[in-house]
Amino acid sequence: MPRHILVFGSTSPAGIAFCLAALRDSHTLTLFVRNATKLPDEVSSNATIVNGQLTDAVALEHAIACGATTCVSFLGPVMNDLKKGEKPIADGYKLIIPMLQKYGYTRTLVLSTASFRVPEDHFTILFSLMVWLVYLFARAAYDEINGFSPLVAQLPTDELGWTIYRVPILRNGETREVAAGYVGKVGLTIERKALAEWLLQEMERKTWIGKCPAVANA
């Protein structure tokens, strides 16, 4: 069923892959972006673009009030943008979440990573090592992930129809079969196109509402 989807982080490679797949399936898109020039013409010419920063409450509300009731976010830490002690994405979500509630969003899918742990996870040595390396060498990104993910996870399970989808190493390539589960039960990589297809399916299936699946190649 075609939906009107509000997308955050649409200029990222994963975001672009999702937008292309969503347009192929006749969904209507509203994109909140900092720099629309990063979008391919196929996306920008077929979507409504709202320019702004995550600190701009007026621009955020303009985008969120677009009439969509589904939100998909690819917002994630960009190391070059992070300064010590700052959590711009977490601060952005503190504005975004109440607005999604205000405008009656019923399906919300938010990107995170295995750095945000949930009780169902069973960390293997390799996964533990990967997260430890992020903690040691990309601490600002680790802190950002653990700054914004709990803001969503603490909502009631039926609030906004939220799902926190946690991704491993993202790769380019053709679509492959995807498995959703918990850390320790799924793989270490996923193709961006495959992630886009999984998100479009999960929007409708609602298998993981109120949960934090790890999503990877089967």
Protein backbone atom coordinates (compact mmCIF):
# COMPACT_ATOMS: atom_id res chain seq x y z
CA MET A 1 0.00 0.00 0.00
CA PRO A 2 1.53 3.36 -1.01
CA ARG A 3 2.32 5.57 1.97
CA HIS A 4 3.46 9.12 2.55
CA ILE A 5 6.86 8.69 4.21
CA LEU A 6 8.93 11.32 6.00
CA VAL A 7 12.62 10.47 5.69
CA PHE A 8 15.49 11.75 7.81
CA GLY A 9 19.06 11.10 6.67
CA SER A 10 18.00 10.64 3.07
CA THR A 11 21.31 11.95 1.67
CA SER A 12 23.26 9.05 3.19
CA PRO A 13 24.00 6.11 0.87
CA ALA A 14 21.47 3.93 2.74
CA GLY A 15 18.94 6.75 2.69
CA ILE A 16 19.30 7.21 -1.05
CA ALA A 17 18.88 3.47 -1.63
CA PHE A 18 15.69 3.55 0.43
CA CYS A 19 14.28 6.59 -1.38
CA LEU A 20 14.88 5.00 -4.78
CA ALA A 21 13.15 1.80 -3.68
CA ALA A 22 10.26 3.72 -2.10
CA LEU A 23 9.69 5.78 -5.25
CA ARG A 24 9.76 2.60 -7.33
CA ASP A 25 6.91 1.32 -5.15
CA SER A 26 4.91 4.54 -5.66
CA HIS A 27 5.32 5.91 -2.13
CA THR A 28 5.18 9.69 -1.59
CA LEU A 29 8.30 11.12 0.04
CA THR A 30 9.03 14.20 2.13
CA LEU A 31 12.74 14.56 2.88
CA PHE A 32 14.31 16.65 5.63
CA VAL A 33 17.86 17.46 4.52
CA ARG A 34 20.76 19.78 5.23
CA ASN A 35 22.10 19.70 1.68
CA ALA A 36 19.72 18.66 -1.09
CA THR A 37 22.52 18.69 -3.68
CA LYS A 38 23.64 15.31 -2.31
CA LEU A 39 20.44 13.73 -3.61
CA PRO A 40 20.36 12.17 -7.07
CA ASP A 41 18.00 13.89 -9.51
CA GLU A 42 15.76 10.82 -9.58
CA VAL A 43 15.03 11.38 -5.89
CA SER A 44 15.04 15.18 -5.60
CA SER A 45 12.74 15.66 -8.61
CA ASN A 46 10.14 13.24 -7.23
CA ALA A 47 10.06 14.21 -3.54
CA THR A 48 9.17 17.21 -1.40
CA ILE A 49 12.36 18.66 0.09
CA VAL A 50 12.52 20.55 3.38
CA ASN A 51 15.91 22.08 4.12
CA GLY A 52 17.08 22.61 7.67
CA GLN A 53 19.25 21.63 10.59
CA LEU A 54 18.24 19.32 13.43
CA THR A 55 18.39 22.34 15.71
CA ASP A 56 15.77 24.20 13.64
CA ALA A 57 12.45 23.46 15.34
CA VAL A 58 10.48 25.51 12.80
CA ALA A 59 11.89 23.61 9.80
CA LEU A 60 11.48 20.29 11.60
CA GLU A 61 7.83 20.96 12.31
CA HIS A 62 7.25 22.09 8.74
CA ALA A 63 8.57 18.72 7.54
CA ILE A 64 6.83 16.60 10.18
CA ALA A 65 3.49 18.33 9.52
CA CYS A 66 3.64 17.27 5.86
CA GLY A 67 0.74 14.83 6.20
CA ALA A 68 2.82 11.68 6.49
CA THR A 69 2.18 9.19 9.29
CA THR A 70 5.24 7.02 8.58
CA CYS A 71 8.80 8.11 9.41
CA VAL A 72 12.01 6.34 8.44
CA SER A 73 15.27 7.69 9.83
CA PHE A 74 18.82 7.04 8.66
CA LEU A 75 20.31 9.61 11.01
CA GLY A 76 23.64 8.41 12.34
CA PRO A 77 26.82 9.93 13.70
CA VAL A 78 29.24 11.50 11.22
CA MET A 79 32.64 11.67 12.89
CA ASN A 80 33.73 14.87 11.17
CA ASP A 81 30.63 16.62 12.49
CA LEU A 82 31.01 15.54 16.11
CA LYS A 83 32.70 17.60 18.77
CA LYS A 84 33.56 16.26 22.19
CA GLY A 85 30.54 16.09 24.44
CA GLU A 86 28.06 17.06 21.72
CA LYS A 87 25.20 14.81 20.64
CA PRO A 88 23.48 16.63 17.76
CA ILE A 89 21.34 13.67 16.70
CA ALA A 90 20.16 12.96 20.23
CA ASP A 91 19.32 16.64 20.61
CA GLY A 92 17.48 16.50 17.30
CA TYR A 93 15.39 13.52 18.40
CA LYS A 94 14.38 15.43 21.53
CA LEU A 95 12.64 17.82 19.15
CA ILE A 96 11.50 15.24 16.59
CA ILE A 97 9.82 12.69 18.87
CA PRO A 98 7.26 15.05 20.45
CA MET A 99 6.42 16.41 17.00
CA LEU A 100 5.87 12.90 15.61
CA GLN A 101 3.51 12.32 18.52
CA LYS A 102 1.75 15.63 17.94
CA TYR A 103 1.09 14.87 14.27
CA GLY A 104 -0.11 11.31 14.81
CA TYR A 105 2.64 9.19 13.30
CA THR A 106 1.79 5.49 13.50
CA ARG A 107 4.95 3.85 12.08
CA THR A 108 8.49 5.00 12.87
CA LEU A 109 11.69 3.14 11.98
CA VAL A 110 14.93 4.46 13.47
CA LEU A 111 18.49 3.44 12.59
CA SER A 112 20.94 2.38 15.29
CA THR A 113 23.82 -0.10 15.68
CA ALA A 114 24.96 -2.91 17.96
CA SER A 115 26.64 -0.28 20.15
CA PHE A 116 23.15 0.07 21.60
CA ARG A 117 22.58 -3.21 23.41
CA VAL A 118 19.30 -4.84 24.37
CA PRO A 119 18.74 -7.77 26.75
CA GLU A 120 18.00 -10.22 23.92
CA ASP A 121 21.51 -9.82 22.45
CA HIS A 122 24.11 -12.59 22.74
CA PHE A 123 27.42 -10.99 21.85
CA THR A 124 29.96 -13.24 20.17
CA ILE A 125 33.65 -12.50 20.60
CA LEU A 126 33.75 -10.90 17.15
CA PHE A 127 30.75 -8.66 17.75
CA SER A 128 32.08 -7.69 21.16
CA LEU A 129 35.42 -6.79 19.59
CA MET A 130 33.75 -4.64 16.94
CA VAL A 131 31.77 -2.68 19.52
CA TRP A 132 34.82 -2.35 21.78
CA LEU A 133 36.82 -0.90 18.89
CA VAL A 134 34.08 1.64 18.24
CA TYR A 135 34.10 2.53 21.93
CA LEU A 136 37.89 2.97 21.92
CA PHE A 137 38.45 4.73 18.60
CA ALA A 138 35.10 6.36 17.81
CA ARG A 139 33.86 7.20 21.28
CA ALA A 140 31.87 10.22 20.12
CA ALA A 141 29.90 8.02 17.71
CA TYR A 142 29.37 5.37 20.42
CA ASP A 143 28.08 8.01 22.81
CA GLU A 144 25.80 9.50 20.15
CA ILE A 145 24.24 6.11 19.36
CA ASN A 146 23.64 5.54 23.07
CA GLY A 147 22.32 9.07 23.39
CA PHE A 148 19.48 8.89 20.87
CA SER A 149 18.54 5.18 20.77
CA PRO A 150 17.19 5.11 24.37
CA LEU A 151 14.99 8.11 23.61
CA VAL A 152 13.01 5.91 21.25
CA ALA A 153 13.36 2.63 23.15
CA GLN A 154 11.90 4.13 26.33
CA LEU A 155 8.62 4.94 24.57
CA PRO A 156 5.67 2.59 25.16
CA THR A 157 5.82 -0.27 22.67
CA ASP A 158 2.77 0.96 20.79
CA GLU A 159 3.80 4.64 20.75
CA LEU A 160 4.53 5.82 17.19
CA GLY A 161 4.68 2.16 16.07
CA TRP A 162 8.44 2.39 16.62
CA THR A 163 11.15 -0.05 15.57
CA ILE A 164 14.86 0.54 16.17
CA TYR A 165 16.63 -1.36 13.39
CA ARG A 166 20.29 -1.95 14.22
CA VAL A 167 22.69 -2.35 11.32
CA PRO A 168 26.16 -3.93 11.11
CA ILE A 169 28.67 -3.05 8.37
CA LEU A 170 26.81 -1.48 5.42
CA ARG A 171 27.96 -2.44 1.93
CA ASN A 172 27.08 -1.68 -1.66
CA GLY A 173 25.90 -4.52 -3.84
CA GLU A 174 22.78 -6.21 -5.11
CA THR A 175 19.89 -7.20 -2.90
CA ARG A 176 20.39 -10.34 -0.83
CA GLU A 177 18.20 -12.20 1.63
CA VAL A 178 17.97 -10.44 4.98
CA ALA A 179 17.60 -11.87 8.46
CA ALA A 180 16.28 -9.90 11.42
CA GLY A 181 16.98 -11.10 14.94
CA TYR A 182 19.36 -10.10 17.69
CA VAL A 183 23.11 -9.62 17.94
CA GLY A 184 24.84 -12.97 17.94
CA LYS A 185 22.14 -14.54 15.78
CA VAL A 186 22.64 -12.55 12.57
CA GLY A 187 25.57 -11.68 10.35
CA LEU A 188 28.10 -8.87 10.28
CA THR A 189 27.17 -7.15 7.00
CA ILE A 190 24.19 -5.99 4.98
CA GLU A 191 23.80 -4.45 1.54
CA ARG A 192 22.14 -1.04 1.54
CA LYS A 193 19.69 -2.10 -1.16
CA ALA A 194 18.75 -5.15 0.90
CA LEU A 195 18.20 -2.97 3.95
CA ALA A 196 15.90 -0.71 1.90
CA GLU A 197 13.79 -3.68 0.83
CA TRP A 198 13.57 -4.98 4.41
CA LEU A 199 12.43 -1.58 5.68
CA LEU A 200 9.70 -1.33 3.05
CA GLN A 201 8.47 -4.79 4.00
CA GLU A 202 8.68 -4.17 7.75
CA MET A 203 6.64 -0.98 7.43
CA GLU A 204 3.70 -3.18 6.45
CA ARG A 205 4.40 -6.40 8.35
CA LYS A 206 4.95 -4.63 11.69
CA THR A 207 6.76 -7.71 13.00
CA TRP A 208 9.19 -5.68 15.11
CA ILE A 209 7.03 -2.93 16.59
CA GLY A 210 8.39 -1.92 19.99
CA LYS A 211 11.58 -3.94 19.43
CA CYS A 212 15.22 -3.42 18.43
CA PRO A 213 16.16 -6.06 15.84
CA ALA A 214 19.63 -6.47 14.39
CA VAL A 215 19.27 -6.64 10.61
CA ALA A 216 21.91 -8.33 8.44
CA ASN A 217 22.45 -10.65 5.49
CA ALA A 218 20.97 -14.08 6.09
